[in-house]
Amino acid sequence: MIGINDVWRQFDSPHQKEGHVYPDEYEATLRRLAELTAPVVKRLFLLTPFYIEPNPADAMRARMDEYGGIVRRTGEAVGASVIDTQAAF
């Protein structure tokens, strides 16, 4: 579930940018964590972050979907199973 607060803070505290984790940093960090973890576990699951908002055009939901795409790409790259929790909502 890494990512929910990373997106939320961009909207909750837009002027405190030093605490924000933008997509490029998020992707690099998640990739590094997944690459270190995948070889030492039987099976790795990555869950997309979600925002309970049915309108995909909503700014925060759109950003959350962007982070979900990063999770999917990372999962494919490291052979992890990806669970799309946004789709469940």
PDB file of N, CA and C in Angstrom:
ATOM      1  N   MET A   1       0.821  -1.202   0.000  1.00  0.00           N
ATOM      2  CA  MET A   1       0.000   0.000   0.000  1.00  0.00           C
ATOM      3  C   MET A   1       0.860   1.259   0.000  1.00  0.00           C
ATOM      4  N   ILE A   2       2.118   1.122  -0.295  1.00  0.00           N
ATOM      5  CA  ILE A   2       2.980   2.299  -0.379  1.00  0.00           C
ATOM      6  C   ILE A   2       2.459   3.204  -1.488  1.00  0.00           C
ATOM      7  N   GLY A   3       2.263   4.457  -1.188  1.00  0.00           N
ATOM      8  CA  GLY A   3       1.853   5.413  -2.211  1.00  0.00           C
ATOM      9  C   GLY A   3       0.681   6.280  -1.827  1.00  0.00           C
ATOM     10  N   ILE A   4      -0.175   5.791  -0.952  1.00  0.00           N
ATOM     11  CA  ILE A   4      -1.366   6.557  -0.608  1.00  0.00           C
ATOM     12  C   ILE A   4      -0.990   7.906   0.001  1.00  0.00           C
ATOM     13  N   ASN A   5      -0.145   7.892   1.015  1.00  0.00           N
ATOM     14  CA  ASN A   5       0.254   9.157   1.631  1.00  0.00           C
ATOM     15  C   ASN A   5       1.122   9.994   0.708  1.00  0.00           C
ATOM     16  N   ASP A   6       1.896   9.340  -0.159  1.00  0.00           N
ATOM     17  CA  ASP A   6       2.724  10.081  -1.096  1.00  0.00           C
ATOM     18  C   ASP A   6       1.876  10.949  -2.016  1.00  0.00           C
ATOM     19  N   VAL A   7       0.741  10.449  -2.418  1.00  0.00           N
ATOM     20  CA  VAL A   7      -0.173  11.224  -3.262  1.00  0.00           C
ATOM     21  C   VAL A   7      -0.955  12.223  -2.416  1.00  0.00           C
ATOM     22  N   TRP A   8      -1.497  11.761  -1.329  1.00  0.00           N
ATOM     23  CA  TRP A   8      -2.358  12.610  -0.493  1.00  0.00           C
ATOM     24  C   TRP A   8      -1.644  13.882  -0.059  1.00  0.00           C
ATOM     25  N   ARG A   9      -0.378  13.769   0.342  1.00  0.00           N
ATOM     26  CA  ARG A   9       0.366  14.944   0.816  1.00  0.00           C
ATOM     27  C   ARG A   9       0.515  16.008  -0.264  1.00  0.00           C
ATOM     28  N   GLN A  10       0.546  15.610  -1.513  1.00  0.00           N
ATOM     29  CA  GLN A  10       0.652  16.577  -2.599  1.00  0.00           C
ATOM     30  C   GLN A  10      -0.594  17.463  -2.680  1.00  0.00           C
ATOM     31  N   PHE A  11      -1.716  16.946  -2.188  1.00  0.00           N
ATOM     32  CA  PHE A  11      -2.970  17.701  -2.206  1.00  0.00           C
ATOM     33  C   PHE A  11      -3.277  18.319  -0.850  1.00  0.00           C
ATOM     34  N   ASP A  12      -2.912  17.642   0.225  1.00  0.00           N
ATOM     35  CA  ASP A  12      -3.165  18.109   1.575  1.00  0.00           C
ATOM     36  C   ASP A  12      -2.237  19.268   1.954  1.00  0.00           C
ATOM     37  N   SER A  13      -0.991  19.190   1.542  1.00  0.00           N
ATOM     38  CA  SER A  13       0.030  20.187   1.887  1.00  0.00           C
ATOM     39  C   SER A  13       0.803  20.590   0.636  1.00  0.00           C
ATOM     40  N   PRO A  14       0.147  21.210  -0.320  1.00  0.00           N
ATOM     41  CA  PRO A  14       0.805  21.488  -1.606  1.00  0.00           C
ATOM     42  C   PRO A  14       2.007  22.428  -1.516  1.00  0.00           C
ATOM     43  N   HIS A  15       2.096  23.226  -0.476  1.00  0.00           N
ATOM     44  CA  HIS A  15       3.192  24.185  -0.358  1.00  0.00           C
ATOM     45  C   HIS A  15       4.371  23.649   0.446  1.00  0.00           C
ATOM     46  N   GLN A  16       4.242  22.473   1.007  1.00  0.00           N
ATOM     47  CA  GLN A  16       5.333  21.850   1.755  1.00  0.00           C
ATOM     48  C   GLN A  16       5.984  20.772   0.894  1.00  0.00           C
ATOM     49  N   LYS A  17       6.544  21.183  -0.202  1.00  0.00           N
ATOM     50  CA  LYS A  17       7.060  20.262  -1.217  1.00  0.00           C
ATOM     51  C   LYS A  17       8.215  19.390  -0.749  1.00  0.00           C
ATOM     52  N   GLU A  18       8.920  19.807   0.289  1.00  0.00           N
ATOM     53  CA  GLU A  18      10.058  19.003   0.752  1.00  0.00           C
ATOM     54  C   GLU A  18       9.620  17.639   1.282  1.00  0.00           C
ATOM     55  N   GLY A  19       8.381  17.476   1.654  1.00  0.00           N
ATOM     56  CA  GLY A  19       7.878  16.201   2.138  1.00  0.00           C
ATOM     57  C   GLY A  19       7.180  15.372   1.077  1.00  0.00           C
ATOM     58  N   HIS A  20       7.107  15.879  -0.134  1.00  0.00           N
ATOM     59  CA  HIS A  20       6.392  15.164  -1.191  1.00  0.00           C
ATOM     60  C   HIS A  20       7.270  14.101  -1.834  1.00  0.00           C
ATOM     61  N   VAL A  21       6.628  13.029  -2.238  1.00  0.00           N
ATOM     62  CA  VAL A  21       7.311  11.979  -2.988  1.00  0.00           C
ATOM     63  C   VAL A  21       6.636  11.943  -4.359  1.00  0.00           C
ATOM     64  N   TYR A  22       7.331  12.490  -5.343  1.00  0.00           N
ATOM     65  CA  TYR A  22       6.775  12.584  -6.687  1.00  0.00           C
ATOM     66  C   TYR A  22       6.997  11.273  -7.449  1.00  0.00           C
ATOM     67  N   PRO A  23       6.302  11.106  -8.587  1.00  0.00           N
ATOM     68  CA  PRO A  23       6.337   9.821  -9.289  1.00  0.00           C
ATOM     69  C   PRO A  23       7.734   9.263  -9.571  1.00  0.00           C
ATOM     70  N   ASP A  24       8.680  10.091  -9.978  1.00  0.00           N
ATOM     71  CA  ASP A  24      10.006   9.560 -10.302  1.00  0.00           C
ATOM     72  C   ASP A  24      10.705   8.964  -9.070  1.00  0.00           C
ATOM     73  N   GLU A  25      10.613   9.644  -7.942  1.00  0.00           N
ATOM     74  CA  GLU A  25      11.211   9.123  -6.713  1.00  0.00           C
ATOM     75  C   GLU A  25      10.449   7.886  -6.222  1.00  0.00           C
ATOM     76  N   TYR A  26       9.141   7.936  -6.328  1.00  0.00           N
ATOM     77  CA  TYR A  26       8.307   6.796  -5.923  1.00  0.00           C
ATOM     78  C   TYR A  26       8.678   5.553  -6.728  1.00  0.00           C
ATOM     79  N   GLU A  27       8.791   5.734  -8.039  1.00  0.00           N
ATOM     80  CA  GLU A  27       9.109   4.593  -8.904  1.00  0.00           C
ATOM     81  C   GLU A  27      10.496   4.035  -8.591  1.00  0.00           C
ATOM     82  N   ALA A  28      11.469   4.901  -8.430  1.00  0.00           N
ATOM     83  CA  ALA A  28      12.831   4.438  -8.131  1.00  0.00           C
ATOM     84  C   ALA A  28      12.882   3.700  -6.795  1.00  0.00           C
ATOM     85  N   THR A  29      12.206   4.233  -5.796  1.00  0.00           N
ATOM     86  CA  THR A  29      12.213   3.614  -4.469  1.00  0.00           C
ATOM     87  C   THR A  29      11.481   2.275  -4.480  1.00  0.00           C
ATOM     88  N   LEU A  30      10.305   2.246  -5.104  1.00  0.00           N
ATOM     89  CA  LEU A  30       9.543   0.996  -5.163  1.00  0.00           C
ATOM     90  C   LEU A  30      10.312  -0.061  -5.943  1.00  0.00           C
ATOM     91  N   ARG A  31      10.915   0.335  -7.035  1.00  0.00           N
ATOM     92  CA  ARG A  31      11.691  -0.616  -7.849  1.00  0.00           C
ATOM     93  C   ARG A  31      12.844  -1.195  -7.025  1.00  0.00           C
ATOM     94  N   ARG A  32      13.551  -0.333  -6.316  1.00  0.00           N
ATOM     95  CA  ARG A  32      14.679  -0.782  -5.500  1.00  0.00           C
ATOM     96  C   ARG A  32      14.206  -1.769  -4.419  1.00  0.00           C
ATOM     97  N   LEU A  33      13.117  -1.433  -3.741  1.00  0.00           N
ATOM     98  CA  LEU A  33      12.575  -2.321  -2.707  1.00  0.00           C
ATOM     99  C   LEU A  33      12.141  -3.668  -3.297  1.00  0.00           C
ATOM    100  N   ALA A  34      11.463  -3.618  -4.422  1.00  0.00           N
ATOM    101  CA  ALA A  34      10.969  -4.848  -5.047  1.00  0.00           C
ATOM    102  C   ALA A  34      12.118  -5.706  -5.555  1.00  0.00           C
ATOM    103  N   GLU A  35      13.139  -5.089  -6.126  1.00  0.00           N
ATOM    104  CA  GLU A  35      14.282  -5.855  -6.627  1.00  0.00           C
ATOM    105  C   GLU A  35      15.056  -6.522  -5.492  1.00  0.00           C
ATOM    106  N   LEU A  36      15.114  -5.870  -4.355  1.00  0.00           N
ATOM    107  CA  LEU A  36      15.788  -6.468  -3.198  1.00  0.00           C
ATOM    108  C   LEU A  36      14.958  -7.576  -2.553  1.00  0.00           C
ATOM    109  N   THR A  37      13.642  -7.434  -2.601  1.00  0.00           N
ATOM    110  CA  THR A  37      12.752  -8.365  -1.921  1.00  0.00           C
ATOM    111  C   THR A  37      12.421  -9.606  -2.749  1.00  0.00           C
ATOM    112  N   ALA A  38      12.157  -9.421  -4.029  1.00  0.00           N
ATOM    113  CA  ALA A  38      11.691 -10.522  -4.882  1.00  0.00           C
ATOM    114  C   ALA A  38      12.573 -11.777  -4.821  1.00  0.00           C
ATOM    115  N   PRO A  39      13.889 -11.651  -4.827  1.00  0.00           N
ATOM    116  CA  PRO A  39      14.717 -12.863  -4.822  1.00  0.00           C
ATOM    117  C   PRO A  39      14.710 -13.643  -3.502  1.00  0.00           C
ATOM    118  N   VAL A  40      14.240 -13.029  -2.440  1.00  0.00           N
ATOM    119  CA  VAL A  40      14.325 -13.698  -1.137  1.00  0.00           C
ATOM    120  C   VAL A  40      12.973 -14.119  -0.570  1.00  0.00           C
ATOM    121  N   VAL A  41      11.929 -13.975  -1.353  1.00  0.00           N
ATOM    122  CA  VAL A  41      10.606 -14.414  -0.920  1.00  0.00           C
ATOM    123  C   VAL A  41      10.057 -15.412  -1.929  1.00  0.00           C
ATOM    124  N   LYS A  42       9.122 -16.222  -1.470  1.00  0.00           N
ATOM    125  CA  LYS A  42       8.516 -17.212  -2.360  1.00  0.00           C
ATOM    126  C   LYS A  42       7.694 -16.525  -3.447  1.00  0.00           C
ATOM    127  N   ARG A  43       6.942 -15.510  -3.048  1.00  0.00           N
ATOM    128  CA  ARG A  43       6.113 -14.783  -4.009  1.00  0.00           C
ATOM    129  C   ARG A  43       5.897 -13.367  -3.487  1.00  0.00           C
ATOM    130  N   LEU A  44       6.073 -12.389  -4.347  1.00  0.00           N
ATOM    131  CA  LEU A  44       5.921 -10.995  -3.972  1.00  0.00           C
ATOM    132  C   LEU A  44       4.616 -10.453  -4.545  1.00  0.00           C
ATOM    133  N   PHE A  45       3.844  -9.797  -3.697  1.00  0.00           N
ATOM    134  CA  PHE A  45       2.608  -9.145  -4.118  1.00  0.00           C
ATOM    135  C   PHE A  45       2.777  -7.649  -3.966  1.00  0.00           C
ATOM    136  N   LEU A  46       2.415  -6.903  -4.979  1.00  0.00           N
ATOM    137  CA  LEU A  46       2.383  -5.450  -4.902  1.00  0.00           C
ATOM    138  C   LEU A  46       0.936  -5.009  -5.071  1.00  0.00           C
ATOM    139  N   LEU A  47       0.478  -4.120  -4.211  1.00  0.00           N
ATOM    140  CA  LEU A  47      -0.890  -3.627  -4.269  1.00  0.00           C
ATOM    141  C   LEU A  47      -0.872  -2.173  -4.718  1.00  0.00           C
ATOM    142  N   THR A  48      -1.733  -1.853  -5.647  1.00  0.00           N
ATOM    143  CA  THR A  48      -1.804  -0.466  -6.088  1.00  0.00           C
ATOM    144  C   THR A  48      -2.414   0.392  -4.983  1.00  0.00           C
ATOM    145  N   PRO A  49      -1.932   1.630  -4.847  1.00  0.00           N
ATOM    146  CA  PRO A  49      -2.586   2.536  -3.912  1.00  0.00           C
ATOM    147  C   PRO A  49      -3.964   2.892  -4.476  1.00  0.00           C
ATOM    148  N   PHE A  50      -4.874   3.290  -3.617  1.00  0.00           N
ATOM    149  CA  PHE A  50      -6.220   3.599  -4.102  1.00  0.00           C
ATOM    150  C   PHE A  50      -6.748   4.861  -3.436  1.00  0.00           C
ATOM    151  N   TYR A  51      -7.701   5.450  -4.104  1.00  0.00           N
ATOM    152  CA  TYR A  51      -8.422   6.606  -3.584  1.00  0.00           C
ATOM    153  C   TYR A  51      -9.881   6.340  -3.888  1.00  0.00           C
ATOM    154  N   ILE A  52     -10.711   6.318  -2.876  1.00  0.00           N
ATOM    155  CA  ILE A  52     -12.116   5.976  -3.087  1.00  0.00           C
ATOM    156  C   ILE A  52     -12.830   7.189  -3.687  1.00  0.00           C
ATOM    157  N   GLU A  53     -12.716   7.274  -4.993  1.00  0.00           N
ATOM    158  CA  GLU A  53     -13.304   8.352  -5.793  1.00  0.00           C
ATOM    159  C   GLU A  53     -13.659   7.734  -7.139  1.00  0.00           C
ATOM    160  N   PRO A  54     -14.934   7.685  -7.491  1.00  0.00           N
ATOM    161  CA  PRO A  54     -15.330   7.022  -8.734  1.00  0.00           C
ATOM    162  C   PRO A  54     -14.961   7.794 -10.008  1.00  0.00           C
ATOM    163  N   ASN A  55     -14.705   9.076  -9.901  1.00  0.00           N
ATOM    164  CA  ASN A  55     -14.412   9.893 -11.080  1.00  0.00           C
ATOM    165  C   ASN A  55     -12.912   9.861 -11.390  1.00  0.00           C
ATOM    166  N   PRO A  56     -12.498   9.150 -12.429  1.00  0.00           N
ATOM    167  CA  PRO A  56     -11.069   9.073 -12.746  1.00  0.00           C
ATOM    168  C   PRO A  56     -10.480  10.406 -13.200  1.00  0.00           C
ATOM    169  N   ALA A  57     -11.326  11.394 -13.510  1.00  0.00           N
ATOM    170  CA  ALA A  57     -10.840  12.717 -13.903  1.00  0.00           C
ATOM    171  C   ALA A  57     -10.541  13.600 -12.690  1.00  0.00           C
ATOM    172  N   ASP A  58     -10.967  13.198 -11.504  1.00  0.00           N
ATOM    173  CA  ASP A  58     -10.644  13.931 -10.292  1.00  0.00           C
ATOM    174  C   ASP A  58      -9.121  13.994 -10.168  1.00  0.00           C
ATOM    175  N   ALA A  59      -8.570  15.145  -9.816  1.00  0.00           N
ATOM    176  CA  ALA A  59      -7.115  15.343  -9.812  1.00  0.00           C
ATOM    177  C   ALA A  59      -6.385  14.357  -8.908  1.00  0.00           C
ATOM    178  N   MET A  60      -6.896  14.157  -7.702  1.00  0.00           N
ATOM    179  CA  MET A  60      -6.215  13.236  -6.801  1.00  0.00           C
ATOM    180  C   MET A  60      -6.358  11.789  -7.268  1.00  0.00           C
ATOM    181  N   ARG A  61      -7.507  11.444  -7.778  1.00  0.00           N
ATOM    182  CA  ARG A  61      -7.707  10.087  -8.307  1.00  0.00           C
ATOM    183  C   ARG A  61      -6.800   9.857  -9.509  1.00  0.00           C
ATOM    184  N   ALA A  62      -6.672  10.851 -10.379  1.00  0.00           N
ATOM    185  CA  ALA A  62      -5.799  10.709 -11.544  1.00  0.00           C
ATOM    186  C   ALA A  62      -4.351  10.498 -11.118  1.00  0.00           C
ATOM    187  N   ARG A  63      -3.912  11.223 -10.095  1.00  0.00           N
ATOM    188  CA  ARG A  63      -2.546  11.059  -9.613  1.00  0.00           C
ATOM    189  C   ARG A  63      -2.389   9.669  -8.987  1.00  0.00           C
ATOM    190  N   MET A  64      -3.396   9.222  -8.255  1.00  0.00           N
ATOM    191  CA  MET A  64      -3.347   7.894  -7.646  1.00  0.00           C
ATOM    192  C   MET A  64      -3.259   6.825  -8.735  1.00  0.00           C
ATOM    193  N   ASP A  65      -3.998   7.003  -9.822  1.00  0.00           N
ATOM    194  CA  ASP A  65      -3.937   6.054 -10.934  1.00  0.00           C
ATOM    195  C   ASP A  65      -2.544   6.041 -11.557  1.00  0.00           C
ATOM    196  N   GLU A  66      -1.895   7.204 -11.593  1.00  0.00           N
ATOM    197  CA  GLU A  66      -0.523   7.280 -12.109  1.00  0.00           C
ATOM    198  C   GLU A  66       0.412   6.431 -11.237  1.00  0.00           C
ATOM    199  N   TYR A  67       0.263   6.540  -9.937  1.00  0.00           N
ATOM    200  CA  TYR A  67       1.080   5.744  -9.024  1.00  0.00           C
ATOM    201  C   TYR A  67       0.732   4.259  -9.157  1.00  0.00           C
ATOM    202  N   GLY A  68      -0.525   3.955  -9.417  1.00  0.00           N
ATOM    203  CA  GLY A  68      -0.920   2.574  -9.661  1.00  0.00           C
ATOM    204  C   GLY A  68      -0.230   2.005 -10.888  1.00  0.00           C
ATOM    205  N   GLY A  69      -0.085   2.823 -11.912  1.00  0.00           N
ATOM    206  CA  GLY A  69       0.634   2.398 -13.111  1.00  0.00           C
ATOM    207  C   GLY A  69       2.093   2.086 -12.805  1.00  0.00           C
ATOM    208  N   ILE A  70       2.674   2.860 -11.921  1.00  0.00           N
ATOM    209  CA  ILE A  70       4.056   2.604 -11.499  1.00  0.00           C
ATOM    210  C   ILE A  70       4.137   1.253 -10.798  1.00  0.00           C
ATOM    211  N   VAL A  71       3.164   0.957  -9.958  1.00  0.00           N
ATOM    212  CA  VAL A  71       3.146  -0.339  -9.261  1.00  0.00           C
ATOM    213  C   VAL A  71       3.036  -1.472 -10.273  1.00  0.00           C
ATOM    214  N   ARG A  72       2.171  -1.316 -11.267  1.00  0.00           N
ATOM    215  CA  ARG A  72       2.009  -2.368 -12.277  1.00  0.00           C
ATOM    216  C   ARG A  72       3.306  -2.581 -13.064  1.00  0.00           C
ATOM    217  N   ARG A  73       3.938  -1.502 -13.499  1.00  0.00           N
ATOM    218  CA  ARG A  73       5.197  -1.619 -14.246  1.00  0.00           C
ATOM    219  C   ARG A  73       6.281  -2.285 -13.395  1.00  0.00           C
ATOM    220  N   THR A  74       6.340  -1.890 -12.146  1.00  0.00           N
ATOM    221  CA  THR A  74       7.337  -2.469 -11.246  1.00  0.00           C
ATOM    222  C   THR A  74       7.086  -3.957 -11.050  1.00  0.00           C
ATOM    223  N   GLY A  75       5.822  -4.318 -10.849  1.00  0.00           N
ATOM    224  CA  GLY A  75       5.480  -5.726 -10.687  1.00  0.00           C
ATOM    225  C   GLY A  75       5.887  -6.552 -11.896  1.00  0.00           C
ATOM    226  N   GLU A  76       5.608  -6.036 -13.076  1.00  0.00           N
ATOM    227  CA  GLU A  76       5.993  -6.740 -14.302  1.00  0.00           C
ATOM    228  C   GLU A  76       7.505  -6.891 -14.392  1.00  0.00           C
ATOM    229  N   ALA A  77       8.233  -5.850 -14.018  1.00  0.00           N
ATOM    230  CA  ALA A  77       9.691  -5.857 -14.134  1.00  0.00           C
ATOM    231  C   ALA A  77      10.353  -6.867 -13.204  1.00  0.00           C
ATOM    232  N   VAL A  78       9.771  -7.076 -12.042  1.00  0.00           N
ATOM    233  CA  VAL A  78      10.409  -7.973 -11.056  1.00  0.00           C
ATOM    234  C   VAL A  78       9.692  -9.317 -10.930  1.00  0.00           C
ATOM    235  N   GLY A  79       8.651  -9.533 -11.711  1.00  0.00           N
ATOM    236  CA  GLY A  79       7.930 -10.799 -11.656  1.00  0.00           C
ATOM    237  C   GLY A  79       7.016 -10.938 -10.449  1.00  0.00           C
ATOM    238  N   ALA A  80       6.549  -9.825  -9.918  1.00  0.00           N
ATOM    239  CA  ALA A  80       5.648  -9.852  -8.770  1.00  0.00           C
ATOM    240  C   ALA A  80       4.195  -9.920  -9.234  1.00  0.00           C
ATOM    241  N   SER A  81       3.343 -10.424  -8.383  1.00  0.00           N
ATOM    242  CA  SER A  81       1.905 -10.383  -8.633  1.00  0.00           C
ATOM    243  C   SER A  81       1.401  -9.016  -8.223  1.00  0.00           C
ATOM    244  N   VAL A  82       0.565  -8.417  -9.051  1.00  0.00           N
ATOM    245  CA  VAL A  82       0.019  -7.088  -8.753  1.00  0.00           C
ATOM    246  C   VAL A  82      -1.477  -7.207  -8.507  1.00  0.00           C
ATOM    247  N   ILE A  83      -1.900  -6.637  -7.410  1.00  0.00           N
ATOM    248  CA  ILE A  83      -3.318  -6.614  -7.056  1.00  0.00           C
ATOM    249  C   ILE A  83      -3.799  -5.176  -7.219  1.00  0.00           C
ATOM    250  N   ASP A  84      -4.769  -4.985  -8.088  1.00  0.00           N
ATOM    251  CA  ASP A  84      -5.289  -3.648  -8.376  1.00  0.00           C
ATOM    252  C   ASP A  84      -6.413  -3.304  -7.391  1.00  0.00           C
ATOM    253  N   THR A  85      -6.040  -2.727  -6.268  1.00  0.00           N
ATOM    254  CA  THR A  85      -7.046  -2.395  -5.254  1.00  0.00           C
ATOM    255  C   THR A  85      -7.943  -1.244  -5.698  1.00  0.00           C
ATOM    256  N   GLN A  86      -7.448  -0.364  -6.578  1.00  0.00           N
ATOM    257  CA  GLN A  86      -8.296   0.720  -7.070  1.00  0.00           C
ATOM    258  C   GLN A  86      -9.490   0.138  -7.829  1.00  0.00           C
ATOM    259  N   ALA A  87      -9.239  -0.880  -8.625  1.00  0.00           N
ATOM    260  CA  ALA A  87     -10.324  -1.518  -9.393  1.00  0.00           C
ATOM    261  C   ALA A  87     -11.376  -2.116  -8.467  1.00  0.00           C
ATOM    262  N   ALA A  88     -10.963  -2.591  -7.301  1.00  0.00           N
ATOM    263  CA  ALA A  88     -11.914  -3.178  -6.359  1.00  0.00           C
ATOM    264  C   ALA A  88     -12.911  -2.148  -5.840  1.00  0.00           C
ATOM    265  N   PHE A  89     -12.513  -0.897  -5.829  1.00  0.00           N
ATOM    266  CA  PHE A  89     -13.398   0.159  -5.337  1.00  0.00           C
ATOM    267  C   PHE A  89     -14.149   0.789  -6.480  1.00  0.00           C
TER     268      PHE A  89
END
